[in-house]
Amino acid sequence: MDEGTGSAGEARNQLSKAAATDMAMRQCRIGGQHCKVIIAYYNQCVAIAQVQGRTGFFIAASRAYQSDADQYVMSECSSHGTCKVVYRACSDAIRIQ
């Protein structure tokens, strides 16, 4: 995410953190020049909350269950203003044979 422009990227279903980071950064750089990874996760769910009307302020967390990730970011974010979950996703476990 580029906190200055709000540009963001995401990656799902990648087999490595490096591949996921590369994909997300390429997407983010379309609209931002100062992109950085704010959270990486695997075999978990993630939520990112933002204070409404405030650019560049995010709370991100990963948890085993989506509801737990949502609850945590909203709890942490709400002390800074009115918040909204702006991104949520889960990564499924990959079976290795």
PDB file of N, CA and C in Angstrom:
ATOM      1  N   MET A   1       0.830  -1.175   0.000  1.00  0.00           N
ATOM      2  CA  MET A   1       0.000   0.000   0.000  1.00  0.00           C
ATOM      3  C   MET A   1       0.880   1.246   0.000  1.00  0.00           C
ATOM      4  N   ASP A   2       0.439   2.252  -0.722  1.00  0.00           N
ATOM      5  CA  ASP A   2       1.073   3.565  -0.694  1.00  0.00           C
ATOM      6  C   ASP A   2       0.186   4.457   0.166  1.00  0.00           C
ATOM      7  N   GLU A   3       0.636   4.788   1.348  1.00  0.00           N
ATOM      8  CA  GLU A   3      -0.195   5.548   2.286  1.00  0.00           C
ATOM      9  C   GLU A   3      -0.511   6.947   1.781  1.00  0.00           C
ATOM     10  N   GLY A   4       0.350   7.507   0.953  1.00  0.00           N
ATOM     11  CA  GLY A   4       0.122   8.852   0.445  1.00  0.00           C
ATOM     12  C   GLY A   4      -0.958   8.933  -0.608  1.00  0.00           C
ATOM     13  N   THR A   5      -1.017   7.929  -1.478  1.00  0.00           N
ATOM     14  CA  THR A   5      -1.989   7.955  -2.572  1.00  0.00           C
ATOM     15  C   THR A   5      -3.175   7.033  -2.336  1.00  0.00           C
ATOM     16  N   GLY A   6      -3.031   6.073  -1.421  1.00  0.00           N
ATOM     17  CA  GLY A   6      -4.082   5.090  -1.192  1.00  0.00           C
ATOM     18  C   GLY A   6      -4.034   3.941  -2.184  1.00  0.00           C
ATOM     19  N   SER A   7      -3.060   3.954  -3.085  1.00  0.00           N
ATOM     20  CA  SER A   7      -2.911   2.859  -4.040  1.00  0.00           C
ATOM     21  C   SER A   7      -2.576   1.578  -3.284  1.00  0.00           C
ATOM     22  N   ALA A   8      -3.135   0.461  -3.763  1.00  0.00           N
ATOM     23  CA  ALA A   8      -2.917  -0.804  -3.059  1.00  0.00           C
ATOM     24  C   ALA A   8      -2.813  -1.952  -4.049  1.00  0.00           C
ATOM     25  N   GLY A   9      -2.250  -3.025  -3.583  1.00  0.00           N
ATOM     26  CA  GLY A   9      -2.175  -4.246  -4.356  1.00  0.00           C
ATOM     27  C   GLY A   9      -2.457  -5.409  -3.438  1.00  0.00           C
ATOM     28  N   GLU A  10      -2.819  -6.531  -4.017  1.00  0.00           N
ATOM     29  CA  GLU A  10      -3.068  -7.725  -3.228  1.00  0.00           C
ATOM     30  C   GLU A  10      -2.610  -8.945  -3.998  1.00  0.00           C
ATOM     31  N   ALA A  11      -2.407 -10.007  -3.291  1.00  0.00           N
ATOM     32  CA  ALA A  11      -2.040 -11.268  -3.933  1.00  0.00           C
ATOM     33  C   ALA A  11      -2.698 -12.398  -3.168  1.00  0.00           C
ATOM     34  N   ARG A  12      -3.265 -13.315  -3.902  1.00  0.00           N
ATOM     35  CA  ARG A  12      -3.870 -14.503  -3.306  1.00  0.00           C
ATOM     36  C   ARG A  12      -3.376 -15.726  -4.062  1.00  0.00           C
ATOM     37  N   ASN A  13      -3.403 -16.838  -3.382  1.00  0.00           N
ATOM     38  CA  ASN A  13      -3.088 -18.134  -3.987  1.00  0.00           C
ATOM     39  C   ASN A  13      -1.684 -18.218  -4.586  1.00  0.00           C
ATOM     40  N   GLN A  14      -0.749 -17.543  -3.967  1.00  0.00           N
ATOM     41  CA  GLN A  14       0.640 -17.639  -4.390  1.00  0.00           C
ATOM     42  C   GLN A  14       1.342 -18.697  -3.546  1.00  0.00           C
ATOM     43  N   LEU A  15       2.340 -19.341  -4.102  1.00  0.00           N
ATOM     44  CA  LEU A  15       3.004 -20.431  -3.395  1.00  0.00           C
ATOM     45  C   LEU A  15       4.140 -19.971  -2.496  1.00  0.00           C
ATOM     46  N   SER A  16       4.506 -18.689  -2.564  1.00  0.00           N
ATOM     47  CA  SER A  16       5.557 -18.192  -1.684  1.00  0.00           C
ATOM     48  C   SER A  16       5.273 -16.742  -1.309  1.00  0.00           C
ATOM     49  N   LYS A  17       5.861 -16.310  -0.205  1.00  0.00           N
ATOM     50  CA  LYS A  17       5.723 -14.924   0.227  1.00  0.00           C
ATOM     51  C   LYS A  17       6.358 -13.995  -0.800  1.00  0.00           C
ATOM     52  N   ALA A  18       7.487 -14.404  -1.378  1.00  0.00           N
ATOM     53  CA  ALA A  18       8.161 -13.581  -2.385  1.00  0.00           C
ATOM     54  C   ALA A  18       7.271 -13.361  -3.607  1.00  0.00           C
ATOM     55  N   ALA A  19       6.608 -14.412  -4.076  1.00  0.00           N
ATOM     56  CA  ALA A  19       5.724 -14.293  -5.235  1.00  0.00           C
ATOM     57  C   ALA A  19       4.528 -13.404  -4.911  1.00  0.00           C
ATOM     58  N   ALA A  20       3.978 -13.553  -3.723  1.00  0.00           N
ATOM     59  CA  ALA A  20       2.837 -12.732  -3.317  1.00  0.00           C
ATOM     60  C   ALA A  20       3.247 -11.264  -3.188  1.00  0.00           C
ATOM     61  N   THR A  21       4.400 -11.019  -2.594  1.00  0.00           N
ATOM     62  CA  THR A  21       4.892  -9.645  -2.437  1.00  0.00           C
ATOM     63  C   THR A  21       5.110  -9.006  -3.802  1.00  0.00           C
ATOM     64  N   ASP A  22       5.730  -9.738  -4.719  1.00  0.00           N
ATOM     65  CA  ASP A  22       5.986  -9.216  -6.056  1.00  0.00           C
ATOM     66  C   ASP A  22       4.683  -8.844  -6.755  1.00  0.00           C
ATOM     67  N   MET A  23       3.686  -9.708  -6.696  1.00  0.00           N
ATOM     68  CA  MET A  23       2.410  -9.441  -7.343  1.00  0.00           C
ATOM     69  C   MET A  23       1.728  -8.207  -6.751  1.00  0.00           C
ATOM     70  N   ALA A  24       1.672  -8.137  -5.433  1.00  0.00           N
ATOM     71  CA  ALA A  24       1.011  -7.008  -4.763  1.00  0.00           C
ATOM     72  C   ALA A  24       1.736  -5.691  -5.041  1.00  0.00           C
ATOM     73  N   MET A  25       3.049  -5.715  -5.026  1.00  0.00           N
ATOM     74  CA  MET A  25       3.815  -4.489  -5.264  1.00  0.00           C
ATOM     75  C   MET A  25       3.645  -4.000  -6.705  1.00  0.00           C
ATOM     76  N   ARG A  26       3.592  -4.907  -7.670  1.00  0.00           N
ATOM     77  CA  ARG A  26       3.371  -4.494  -9.065  1.00  0.00           C
ATOM     78  C   ARG A  26       2.021  -3.809  -9.210  1.00  0.00           C
ATOM     79  N   GLN A  27       0.988  -4.351  -8.564  1.00  0.00           N
ATOM     80  CA  GLN A  27      -0.337  -3.740  -8.623  1.00  0.00           C
ATOM     81  C   GLN A  27      -0.332  -2.365  -7.973  1.00  0.00           C
ATOM     82  N   CYS A  28       0.288  -2.270  -6.820  1.00  0.00           N
ATOM     83  CA  CYS A  28       0.302  -1.018  -6.068  1.00  0.00           C
ATOM     84  C   CYS A  28       1.034   0.082  -6.828  1.00  0.00           C
ATOM     85  N   ARG A  29       2.122  -0.268  -7.480  1.00  0.00           N
ATOM     86  CA  ARG A  29       2.945   0.738  -8.162  1.00  0.00           C
ATOM     87  C   ARG A  29       2.263   1.348  -9.387  1.00  0.00           C
ATOM     88  N   ILE A  30       1.133   0.798  -9.800  1.00  0.00           N
ATOM     89  CA  ILE A  30       0.381   1.411 -10.900  1.00  0.00           C
ATOM     90  C   ILE A  30      -0.065   2.812 -10.489  1.00  0.00           C
ATOM     91  N   GLY A  31      -0.432   2.988  -9.225  1.00  0.00           N
ATOM     92  CA  GLY A  31      -0.893   4.296  -8.759  1.00  0.00           C
ATOM     93  C   GLY A  31      -0.054   4.906  -7.649  1.00  0.00           C
ATOM     94  N   GLY A  32       0.990   4.217  -7.209  1.00  0.00           N
ATOM     95  CA  GLY A  32       1.792   4.726  -6.101  1.00  0.00           C
ATOM     96  C   GLY A  32       3.264   4.439  -6.298  1.00  0.00           C
ATOM     97  N   GLN A  33       4.093   5.319  -5.762  1.00  0.00           N
ATOM     98  CA  GLN A  33       5.537   5.144  -5.873  1.00  0.00           C
ATOM     99  C   GLN A  33       6.190   4.758  -4.558  1.00  0.00           C
ATOM    100  N   HIS A  34       5.441   4.835  -3.470  1.00  0.00           N
ATOM    101  CA  HIS A  34       6.005   4.546  -2.146  1.00  0.00           C
ATOM    102  C   HIS A  34       5.266   3.380  -1.498  1.00  0.00           C
ATOM    103  N   CYS A  35       5.119   2.307  -2.241  1.00  0.00           N
ATOM    104  CA  CYS A  35       4.372   1.144  -1.777  1.00  0.00           C
ATOM    105  C   CYS A  35       5.196   0.321  -0.786  1.00  0.00           C
ATOM    106  N   LYS A  36       4.487  -0.243   0.187  1.00  0.00           N
ATOM    107  CA  LYS A  36       5.125  -1.155   1.132  1.00  0.00           C
ATOM    108  C   LYS A  36       4.097  -2.195   1.564  1.00  0.00           C
ATOM    109  N   VAL A  37       4.586  -3.345   1.957  1.00  0.00           N
ATOM    110  CA  VAL A  37       3.725  -4.420   2.431  1.00  0.00           C
ATOM    111  C   VAL A  37       3.281  -4.063   3.854  1.00  0.00           C
ATOM    112  N   ILE A  38       1.961  -4.069   4.082  1.00  0.00           N
ATOM    113  CA  ILE A  38       1.477  -3.783   5.440  1.00  0.00           C
ATOM    114  C   ILE A  38       1.087  -5.048   6.193  1.00  0.00           C
ATOM    115  N   ILE A  39       0.829  -6.139   5.457  1.00  0.00           N
ATOM    116  CA  ILE A  39       0.560  -7.408   6.133  1.00  0.00           C
ATOM    117  C   ILE A  39       0.727  -8.556   5.137  1.00  0.00           C
ATOM    118  N   ALA A  40       1.274  -9.631   5.631  1.00  0.00           N
ATOM    119  CA  ALA A  40       1.397 -10.868   4.857  1.00  0.00           C
ATOM    120  C   ALA A  40       0.828 -11.984   5.733  1.00  0.00           C
ATOM    121  N   TYR A  41       0.179 -12.954   5.115  1.00  0.00           N
ATOM    122  CA  TYR A  41      -0.460 -14.009   5.899  1.00  0.00           C
ATOM    123  C   TYR A  41      -0.574 -15.277   5.073  1.00  0.00           C
ATOM    124  N   TYR A  42      -0.705 -16.392   5.744  1.00  0.00           N
ATOM    125  CA  TYR A  42      -0.969 -17.662   5.083  1.00  0.00           C
ATOM    126  C   TYR A  42      -1.733 -18.548   6.050  1.00  0.00           C
ATOM    127  N   ASN A  43      -2.615 -19.376   5.490  1.00  0.00           N
ATOM    128  CA  ASN A  43      -3.478 -20.255   6.284  1.00  0.00           C
ATOM    129  C   ASN A  43      -4.232 -19.480   7.360  1.00  0.00           C
ATOM    130  N   GLN A  44      -4.595 -18.246   7.061  1.00  0.00           N
ATOM    131  CA  GLN A  44      -5.308 -17.388   7.998  1.00  0.00           C
ATOM    132  C   GLN A  44      -6.241 -16.463   7.230  1.00  0.00           C
ATOM    133  N   CYS A  45      -6.956 -15.655   7.987  1.00  0.00           N
ATOM    134  CA  CYS A  45      -7.783 -14.597   7.415  1.00  0.00           C
ATOM    135  C   CYS A  45      -7.202 -13.259   7.841  1.00  0.00           C
ATOM    136  N   VAL A  46      -7.433 -12.254   7.021  1.00  0.00           N
ATOM    137  CA  VAL A  46      -6.896 -10.931   7.285  1.00  0.00           C
ATOM    138  C   VAL A  46      -8.013  -9.896   7.169  1.00  0.00           C
ATOM    139  N   ALA A  47      -7.856  -8.820   7.929  1.00  0.00           N
ATOM    140  CA  ALA A  47      -8.760  -7.676   7.817  1.00  0.00           C
ATOM    141  C   ALA A  47      -7.924  -6.408   7.939  1.00  0.00           C
ATOM    142  N   ILE A  48      -8.325  -5.393   7.187  1.00  0.00           N
ATOM    143  CA  ILE A  48      -7.686  -4.078   7.264  1.00  0.00           C
ATOM    144  C   ILE A  48      -8.797  -3.068   7.459  1.00  0.00           C
ATOM    145  N   ALA A  49      -8.661  -2.245   8.488  1.00  0.00           N
ATOM    146  CA  ALA A  49      -9.649  -1.202   8.772  1.00  0.00           C
ATOM    147  C   ALA A  49      -8.988   0.160   8.620  1.00  0.00           C
ATOM    148  N   GLN A  50      -9.799   1.133   8.233  1.00  0.00           N
ATOM    149  CA  GLN A  50      -9.306   2.495   8.049  1.00  0.00           C
ATOM    150  C   GLN A  50     -10.267   3.467   8.713  1.00  0.00           C
ATOM    151  N   VAL A  51      -9.697   4.514   9.319  1.00  0.00           N
ATOM    152  CA  VAL A  51     -10.513   5.594   9.857  1.00  0.00           C
ATOM    153  C   VAL A  51     -11.086   6.354   8.664  1.00  0.00           C
ATOM    154  N   GLN A  52     -12.382   6.543   8.645  1.00  0.00           N
ATOM    155  CA  GLN A  52     -13.041   7.228   7.541  1.00  0.00           C
ATOM    156  C   GLN A  52     -12.557   8.677   7.450  1.00  0.00           C
ATOM    157  N   GLY A  53     -12.215   9.096   6.237  1.00  0.00           N
ATOM    158  CA  GLY A  53     -11.766  10.462   6.003  1.00  0.00           C
ATOM    159  C   GLY A  53     -10.318  10.715   6.363  1.00  0.00           C
ATOM    160  N   ARG A  54      -9.568   9.677   6.693  1.00  0.00           N
ATOM    161  CA  ARG A  54      -8.169   9.841   7.093  1.00  0.00           C
ATOM    162  C   ARG A  54      -7.291   8.983   6.187  1.00  0.00           C
ATOM    163  N   THR A  55      -6.591   9.598   5.280  1.00  0.00           N
ATOM    164  CA  THR A  55      -5.725   8.876   4.353  1.00  0.00           C
ATOM    165  C   THR A  55      -4.494   8.359   5.084  1.00  0.00           C
ATOM    166  N   GLY A  56      -4.114   7.139   4.777  1.00  0.00           N
ATOM    167  CA  GLY A  56      -2.856   6.609   5.277  1.00  0.00           C
ATOM    168  C   GLY A  56      -2.887   5.991   6.657  1.00  0.00           C
ATOM    169  N   PHE A  57      -4.034   5.916   7.310  1.00  0.00           N
ATOM    170  CA  PHE A  57      -4.089   5.305   8.642  1.00  0.00           C
ATOM    171  C   PHE A  57      -4.852   3.993   8.541  1.00  0.00           C
ATOM    172  N   PHE A  58      -4.146   2.899   8.781  1.00  0.00           N
ATOM    173  CA  PHE A  58      -4.738   1.576   8.669  1.00  0.00           C
ATOM    174  C   PHE A  58      -4.371   0.734   9.873  1.00  0.00           C
ATOM    175  N   ILE A  59      -5.265  -0.170  10.239  1.00  0.00           N
ATOM    176  CA  ILE A  59      -4.997  -1.210  11.224  1.00  0.00           C
ATOM    177  C   ILE A  59      -5.178  -2.530  10.493  1.00  0.00           C
ATOM    178  N   ALA A  60      -4.188  -3.399  10.557  1.00  0.00           N
ATOM    179  CA  ALA A  60      -4.264  -4.685   9.862  1.00  0.00           C
ATOM    180  C   ALA A  60      -3.978  -5.808  10.848  1.00  0.00           C
ATOM    181  N   ALA A  61      -4.650  -6.937  10.655  1.00  0.00           N
ATOM    182  CA  ALA A  61      -4.418  -8.099  11.517  1.00  0.00           C
ATOM    183  C   ALA A  61      -4.807  -9.369  10.790  1.00  0.00           C
ATOM    184  N   SER A  62      -4.142 -10.444  11.157  1.00  0.00           N
ATOM    185  CA  SER A  62      -4.531 -11.762  10.655  1.00  0.00           C
ATOM    186  C   SER A  62      -4.879 -12.641  11.849  1.00  0.00           C
ATOM    187  N   ARG A  63      -5.871 -13.472  11.643  1.00  0.00           N
ATOM    188  CA  ARG A  63      -6.344 -14.385  12.675  1.00  0.00           C
ATOM    189  C   ARG A  63      -6.814 -15.679  11.999  1.00  0.00           C
ATOM    190  N   ALA A  64      -7.054 -16.682  12.782  1.00  0.00           N
ATOM    191  CA  ALA A  64      -7.516 -17.963  12.236  1.00  0.00           C
ATOM    192  C   ALA A  64      -8.906 -17.844  11.606  1.00  0.00           C
ATOM    193  N   TYR A  65      -9.744 -16.972  12.151  1.00  0.00           N
ATOM    194  CA  TYR A  65     -11.107 -16.818  11.656  1.00  0.00           C
ATOM    195  C   TYR A  65     -11.339 -15.379  11.212  1.00  0.00           C
ATOM    196  N   GLN A  66     -12.106 -15.225  10.120  1.00  0.00           N
ATOM    197  CA  GLN A  66     -12.379 -13.890   9.589  1.00  0.00           C
ATOM    198  C   GLN A  66     -13.052 -13.000  10.626  1.00  0.00           C
ATOM    199  N   SER A  67     -13.998 -13.532  11.361  1.00  0.00           N
ATOM    200  CA  SER A  67     -14.708 -12.723  12.354  1.00  0.00           C
ATOM    201  C   SER A  67     -13.756 -12.194  13.419  1.00  0.00           C
ATOM    202  N   ASP A  68     -12.754 -12.976  13.801  1.00  0.00           N
ATOM    203  CA  ASP A  68     -11.780 -12.523  14.800  1.00  0.00           C
ATOM    204  C   ASP A  68     -10.893 -11.414  14.246  1.00  0.00           C
ATOM    205  N   ALA A  69     -10.479 -11.529  12.993  1.00  0.00           N
ATOM    206  CA  ALA A  69      -9.662 -10.482  12.370  1.00  0.00           C
ATOM    207  C   ALA A  69     -10.469  -9.190  12.260  1.00  0.00           C
ATOM    208  N   ASP A  70     -11.725  -9.299  11.809  1.00  0.00           N
ATOM    209  CA  ASP A  70     -12.592  -8.126  11.695  1.00  0.00           C
ATOM    210  C   ASP A  70     -12.782  -7.445  13.052  1.00  0.00           C
ATOM    211  N   GLN A  71     -13.086  -8.242  14.061  1.00  0.00           N
ATOM    212  CA  GLN A  71     -13.335  -7.696  15.390  1.00  0.00           C
ATOM    213  C   GLN A  71     -12.095  -6.992  15.938  1.00  0.00           C
ATOM    214  N   TYR A  72     -10.929  -7.589  15.760  1.00  0.00           N
ATOM    215  CA  TYR A  72      -9.704  -6.990  16.279  1.00  0.00           C
ATOM    216  C   TYR A  72      -9.410  -5.637  15.629  1.00  0.00           C
ATOM    217  N   VAL A  73      -9.451  -5.575  14.282  1.00  0.00           N
ATOM    218  CA  VAL A  73      -9.104  -4.310  13.633  1.00  0.00           C
ATOM    219  C   VAL A  73     -10.118  -3.218  13.952  1.00  0.00           C
ATOM    220  N   MET A  74     -11.384  -3.578  14.050  1.00  0.00           N
ATOM    221  CA  MET A  74     -12.385  -2.568  14.392  1.00  0.00           C
ATOM    222  C   MET A  74     -12.211  -2.086  15.822  1.00  0.00           C
ATOM    223  N   SER A  75     -11.872  -2.975  16.726  1.00  0.00           N
ATOM    224  CA  SER A  75     -11.635  -2.597  18.117  1.00  0.00           C
ATOM    225  C   SER A  75     -10.443  -1.647  18.231  1.00  0.00           C
ATOM    226  N   GLU A  76      -9.346  -1.979  17.551  1.00  0.00           N
ATOM    227  CA  GLU A  76      -8.144  -1.142  17.602  1.00  0.00           C
ATOM    228  C   GLU A  76      -8.348   0.192  16.885  1.00  0.00           C
ATOM    229  N   CYS A  77      -9.053   0.162  15.782  1.00  0.00           N
ATOM    230  CA  CYS A  77      -9.237   1.356  14.963  1.00  0.00           C
ATOM    231  C   CYS A  77     -10.226   2.347  15.584  1.00  0.00           C
ATOM    232  N   SER A  78     -11.241   1.842  16.239  1.00  0.00           N
ATOM    233  CA  SER A  78     -12.327   2.701  16.722  1.00  0.00           C
ATOM    234  C   SER A  78     -11.878   3.748  17.736  1.00  0.00           C
ATOM    235  N   SER A  79     -10.760   3.533  18.387  1.00  0.00           N
ATOM    236  CA  SER A  79     -10.276   4.547  19.335  1.00  0.00           C
ATOM    237  C   SER A  79      -9.695   5.763  18.599  1.00  0.00           C
ATOM    238  N   HIS A  80      -9.575   5.671  17.267  1.00  0.00           N
ATOM    239  CA  HIS A  80      -9.031   6.768  16.470  1.00  0.00           C
ATOM    240  C   HIS A  80     -10.095   7.478  15.642  1.00  0.00           C
ATOM    241  N   GLY A  81     -11.338   6.991  15.686  1.00  0.00           N
ATOM    242  CA  GLY A  81     -12.415   7.609  14.924  1.00  0.00           C
ATOM    243  C   GLY A  81     -13.388   6.572  14.405  1.00  0.00           C
ATOM    244  N   THR A  82     -14.229   6.979  13.461  1.00  0.00           N
ATOM    245  CA  THR A  82     -15.197   6.083  12.846  1.00  0.00           C
ATOM    246  C   THR A  82     -14.490   5.258  11.778  1.00  0.00           C
ATOM    247  N   CYS A  83     -14.554   3.962  11.920  1.00  0.00           N
ATOM    248  CA  CYS A  83     -13.769   3.064  11.058  1.00  0.00           C
ATOM    249  C   CYS A  83     -14.649   2.172  10.202  1.00  0.00           C
ATOM    250  N   LYS A  84     -14.003   1.638   9.173  1.00  0.00           N
ATOM    251  CA  LYS A  84     -14.651   0.702   8.271  1.00  0.00           C
ATOM    252  C   LYS A  84     -13.619  -0.332   7.845  1.00  0.00           C
ATOM    253  N   VAL A  85     -14.036  -1.602   7.772  1.00  0.00           N
ATOM    254  CA  VAL A  85     -13.159  -2.635   7.225  1.00  0.00           C
ATOM    255  C   VAL A  85     -13.118  -2.400   5.717  1.00  0.00           C
ATOM    256  N   VAL A  86     -11.912  -2.151   5.192  1.00  0.00           N
ATOM    257  CA  VAL A  86     -11.756  -1.842   3.769  1.00  0.00           C
ATOM    258  C   VAL A  86     -11.224  -3.023   2.962  1.00  0.00           C
ATOM    259  N   TYR A  87     -10.765  -4.054   3.654  1.00  0.00           N
ATOM    260  CA  TYR A  87     -10.276  -5.245   2.965  1.00  0.00           C
ATOM    261  C   TYR A  87     -10.377  -6.428   3.905  1.00  0.00           C
ATOM    262  N   ARG A  88     -10.792  -7.564   3.356  1.00  0.00           N
ATOM    263  CA  ARG A  88     -10.800  -8.816   4.118  1.00  0.00           C
ATOM    264  C   ARG A  88     -10.638  -9.965   3.136  1.00  0.00           C
ATOM    265  N   ALA A  89      -9.916 -10.974   3.587  1.00  0.00           N
ATOM    266  CA  ALA A  89      -9.694 -12.146   2.740  1.00  0.00           C
ATOM    267  C   ALA A  89      -9.162 -13.278   3.607  1.00  0.00           C
ATOM    268  N   CYS A  90      -9.291 -14.485   3.106  1.00  0.00           N
ATOM    269  CA  CYS A  90      -8.724 -15.660   3.764  1.00  0.00           C
ATOM    270  C   CYS A  90      -7.864 -16.414   2.764  1.00  0.00           C
ATOM    271  N   SER A  91      -6.796 -17.000   3.259  1.00  0.00           N
ATOM    272  CA  SER A  91      -5.985 -17.867   2.404  1.00  0.00           C
ATOM    273  C   SER A  91      -6.227 -19.301   2.866  1.00  0.00           C
ATOM    274  N   ASP A  92      -6.538 -20.127   1.919  1.00  0.00           N
ATOM    275  CA  ASP A  92      -6.809 -21.514   2.221  1.00  0.00           C
ATOM    276  C   ASP A  92      -5.507 -22.298   2.357  1.00  0.00           C
ATOM    277  N   ALA A  93      -5.535 -23.274   3.184  1.00  0.00           N
ATOM    278  CA  ALA A  93      -4.367 -24.151   3.329  1.00  0.00           C
ATOM    279  C   ALA A  93      -4.158 -24.921   2.026  1.00  0.00           C
ATOM    280  N   ILE A  94      -2.925 -25.127   1.682  1.00  0.00           N
ATOM    281  CA  ILE A  94      -2.580 -25.873   0.484  1.00  0.00           C
ATOM    282  C   ILE A  94      -2.059 -27.243   0.908  1.00  0.00           C
ATOM    283  N   ARG A  95      -2.657 -28.272   0.381  1.00  0.00           N
ATOM    284  CA  ARG A  95      -2.226 -29.624   0.724  1.00  0.00           C
ATOM    285  C   ARG A  95      -0.991 -29.990  -0.091  1.00  0.00           C
ATOM    286  N   ILE A  96       0.036 -30.414   0.576  1.00  0.00           N
ATOM    287  CA  ILE A  96       1.270 -30.830  -0.088  1.00  0.00           C
ATOM    288  C   ILE A  96       1.361 -32.344   0.007  1.00  0.00           C
ATOM    289  N   GLN A  97       1.576 -32.992  -1.114  1.00  0.00           N
ATOM    290  CA  GLN A  97       1.612 -34.441  -1.125  1.00  0.00           C
ATOM    291  C   GLN A  97       3.028 -34.936  -1.225  1.00  0.00           C
TER     292      GLN A  97
END
